[in-house]
């Protein structure tokens, strides 16, 4: 068997190194831009998203959601609990529209979007058309979370897909 010429061996080494460098770069790029990165806010502090300041007033868990009129309560799936987040938003920039996107964040970045239940509650769900400039708007978000994670929640994430910035995670006031 004849050994490879030096030029051929050098070419394959350089080509392999460039492919490896590209794969390392792409892996780092996707980690930074496609996985959610969070910035926890101090307890009770507001976060600014799309020209709107949002604050988490309370984060509670319950085994049933009751309606305003006292009808049949809504029960979660077996092994799950309801997480009720009461939030307050103040729109600061008329040119930007807050989209009411929220997620509850659990351990290791696990997250849940609001549940698709329609229960008539005393505090309404978020409706971005109701947000007026410099007027506080109180709303509620409902999440169904596995019971084993209910005591390990980090807070409410406010995703903004229009930017690569870190996602703020707001937490309820201490106490």
Protein backbone atom coordinates (compact mmCIF):
# COMPACT_ATOMS: atom_id res chain seq x y z
CA UNK A 1 0.00 0.00 0.00
CA UNK A 2 1.36 3.36 -1.06
CA UNK A 3 1.31 6.18 1.57
CA UNK A 4 -0.75 9.29 0.85
CA UNK A 5 1.20 12.22 -0.54
CA UNK A 6 1.81 15.03 1.97
CA UNK A 7 -0.33 17.49 0.00
CA UNK A 8 -3.37 15.14 -0.02
CA UNK A 9 -3.06 14.38 3.68
CA UNK A 10 -2.76 18.10 4.47
CA UNK A 11 -5.83 18.89 2.33
CA UNK A 12 -7.98 16.31 4.17
CA UNK A 13 -6.72 17.51 7.56
CA UNK A 14 -7.59 21.14 6.75
CA UNK A 15 -11.00 20.16 5.32
CA UNK A 16 -11.81 18.06 8.39
CA UNK A 17 -10.72 20.89 10.70
CA UNK A 18 -12.92 23.42 8.86
CA UNK A 19 -15.96 21.13 9.05
CA UNK A 20 -15.33 20.54 12.76
CA UNK A 21 -14.94 24.29 13.37
CA UNK A 22 -18.22 24.96 11.51
CA UNK A 23 -20.06 22.33 13.57
CA UNK A 24 -18.76 23.82 16.83
CA UNK A 25 -19.77 27.32 15.71
CA UNK A 26 -23.25 26.15 14.63
CA UNK A 27 -23.79 24.32 17.89
CA UNK A 28 -22.90 27.45 19.90
CA UNK A 29 -25.06 29.66 17.66
CA UNK A 30 -28.14 27.44 18.03
CA UNK A 31 -27.64 27.22 21.79
CA UNK A 32 -27.59 31.01 22.08
CA UNK A 33 -30.38 31.80 19.62
CA UNK A 34 -32.81 28.90 19.76
CA UNK A 35 -32.90 27.94 23.43
CA UNK A 36 -34.61 30.23 25.90
CA UNK A 37 -32.24 32.11 28.16
CA UNK A 38 -33.70 33.73 31.23
CA UNK A 39 -32.97 36.78 33.37
CA UNK A 40 -34.69 36.47 36.75
CA UNK A 41 -36.00 39.75 38.10
CA UNK A 42 -36.01 40.60 41.83
CA UNK A 43 -39.23 39.57 43.65
CA UNK A 44 -42.02 42.04 42.89
CA UNK A 45 -40.04 43.87 40.20
CA UNK A 46 -41.52 44.61 36.79
CA UNK A 47 -40.01 43.66 33.44
CA UNK A 48 -40.23 45.65 30.22
CA UNK A 49 -41.47 43.73 27.15
CA UNK A 50 -42.60 45.28 23.86
CA UNK A 51 -43.05 48.72 25.39
CA UNK A 52 -45.09 47.36 28.30
CA UNK A 53 -44.09 47.05 31.93
CA UNK A 54 -45.40 43.80 33.45
CA UNK A 55 -45.42 42.87 37.13
CA UNK A 56 -46.41 39.59 38.80
CA UNK A 57 -48.78 40.32 41.69
CA UNK A 58 -49.30 36.74 42.89
CA UNK A 59 -48.57 33.16 41.91
CA UNK A 60 -50.77 30.57 43.61
CA UNK A 61 -51.65 26.93 43.12
CA UNK A 62 -55.06 25.35 43.50
CA UNK A 63 -56.78 22.02 42.85
CA UNK A 64 -59.83 23.61 41.22
CA UNK A 65 -60.78 26.77 39.37
CA UNK A 66 -64.01 28.33 40.48
CA UNK A 67 -66.13 30.50 38.26
CA UNK A 68 -67.58 33.89 39.20
CA UNK A 69 -71.11 32.53 39.28
CA UNK A 70 -70.15 29.49 41.38
CA UNK A 71 -70.84 26.94 38.63
CA UNK A 72 -69.11 23.57 38.45
CA UNK A 73 -65.38 24.08 39.23
CA UNK A 74 -62.81 23.21 36.57
CA UNK A 75 -60.52 20.39 37.71
CA UNK A 76 -56.98 19.80 36.39
CA UNK A 77 -55.85 16.55 34.81
CA UNK A 78 -54.93 13.77 37.26
CA UNK A 79 -51.51 14.45 38.81
CA UNK A 80 -51.64 18.15 37.98
CA UNK A 81 -52.57 21.41 39.71
CA UNK A 82 -53.68 24.81 38.50
CA UNK A 83 -51.21 27.67 38.78
CA UNK A 84 -52.94 31.05 38.86
CA UNK A 85 -50.80 34.08 38.02
CA UNK A 86 -52.22 37.55 38.59
CA UNK A 87 -50.31 40.16 36.62
CA UNK A 88 -50.43 43.89 36.05
CA UNK A 89 -49.34 45.53 32.81
CA UNK A 90 -48.78 49.19 32.02
CA UNK A 91 -48.31 50.07 28.37
CA UNK A 92 -45.60 52.71 28.02
CA UNK A 93 -45.17 52.89 24.25
CA UNK A 94 -48.20 53.36 21.99
CA UNK A 95 -46.18 52.24 18.95
CA UNK A 96 -45.56 48.77 20.40
CA UNK A 97 -48.17 46.08 21.13
CA UNK A 98 -47.81 43.69 24.08
CA UNK A 99 -48.94 40.26 22.84
CA UNK A 100 -49.90 38.78 26.23
CA UNK A 101 -47.39 35.94 25.84
CA UNK A 102 -46.54 34.35 29.19
CA UNK A 103 -45.08 31.04 30.30
CA UNK A 104 -44.57 29.60 33.77
CA UNK A 105 -40.98 28.41 34.25
CA UNK A 106 -40.09 25.34 36.29
CA UNK A 107 -36.84 23.59 37.17
CA UNK A 108 -34.16 23.32 34.46
CA UNK A 109 -36.02 25.77 32.23
CA UNK A 110 -39.08 23.55 31.74
CA UNK A 111 -41.97 25.82 30.82
CA UNK A 112 -45.71 25.66 30.35
CA UNK A 113 -47.94 27.91 28.29
CA UNK A 114 -51.33 29.09 29.60
CA UNK A 115 -53.99 26.38 29.69
CA UNK A 116 -56.75 26.48 27.12
CA UNK A 117 -59.59 26.52 29.63
CA UNK A 118 -62.34 29.12 29.54
CA UNK A 119 -63.49 29.76 33.05
CA UNK A 120 -65.33 33.01 33.83
CA UNK A 121 -63.23 34.46 36.65
CA UNK A 122 -63.34 37.76 38.53
CA UNK A 123 -60.01 38.84 36.99
CA UNK A 124 -60.05 38.62 33.16
CA UNK A 125 -57.54 36.95 30.90
CA UNK A 126 -55.14 39.19 29.04
CA UNK A 127 -56.59 41.04 26.07
CA UNK A 128 -53.97 43.22 24.37
CA UNK A 129 -56.67 45.45 22.88
CA UNK A 130 -57.63 46.49 26.44
CA UNK A 131 -54.17 47.89 27.21
CA UNK A 132 -54.20 51.69 27.20
CA UNK A 133 -51.10 53.85 27.49
CA UNK A 134 -50.14 54.66 31.11
CA UNK A 135 -53.19 52.81 32.49
CA UNK A 136 -52.61 49.78 34.75
CA UNK A 137 -54.33 46.67 33.39
CA UNK A 138 -54.77 43.68 35.69
CA UNK A 139 -55.17 40.20 34.21
CA UNK A 140 -54.85 36.53 35.06
CA UNK A 141 -53.03 33.63 33.40
CA UNK A 142 -53.93 30.00 34.18
CA UNK A 143 -51.49 27.12 33.81
CA UNK A 144 -51.85 23.39 34.34
CA UNK A 145 -48.60 22.06 35.83
CA UNK A 146 -47.65 18.57 37.05
CA UNK A 147 -48.01 18.48 40.84
CA UNK A 148 -44.36 17.42 41.31
CA UNK A 149 -43.18 20.76 39.83
CA UNK A 150 -45.73 23.04 41.50
CA UNK A 151 -43.42 23.98 44.40
CA UNK A 152 -40.36 24.44 42.18
CA UNK A 153 -41.53 27.23 39.87
CA UNK A 154 -39.13 30.08 39.10
CA UNK A 155 -41.75 32.60 38.00
CA UNK A 156 -43.46 33.84 34.84
CA UNK A 157 -41.44 34.28 31.66
CA UNK A 158 -42.37 37.05 29.23
CA UNK A 159 -41.11 35.83 25.85
CA UNK A 160 -40.44 38.35 23.10
CA UNK A 161 -39.71 36.60 19.82
CA UNK A 162 -38.79 39.87 18.12
CA UNK A 163 -35.41 40.01 19.89
CA UNK A 164 -32.57 37.67 20.82
CA UNK A 165 -32.33 39.24 24.29
CA UNK A 166 -32.72 37.11 27.36
CA UNK A 167 -36.30 36.43 28.45
CA UNK A 168 -37.20 38.18 31.71
CA UNK A 169 -38.71 36.01 34.45
CA UNK A 170 -40.84 37.96 36.89
CA UNK A 171 -41.51 36.74 40.41
CA UNK A 172 -44.19 37.65 42.95
CA UNK A 173 -43.39 40.06 45.77
CA UNK A 174 -41.65 38.46 48.75
CA UNK A 175 -43.75 37.68 51.76
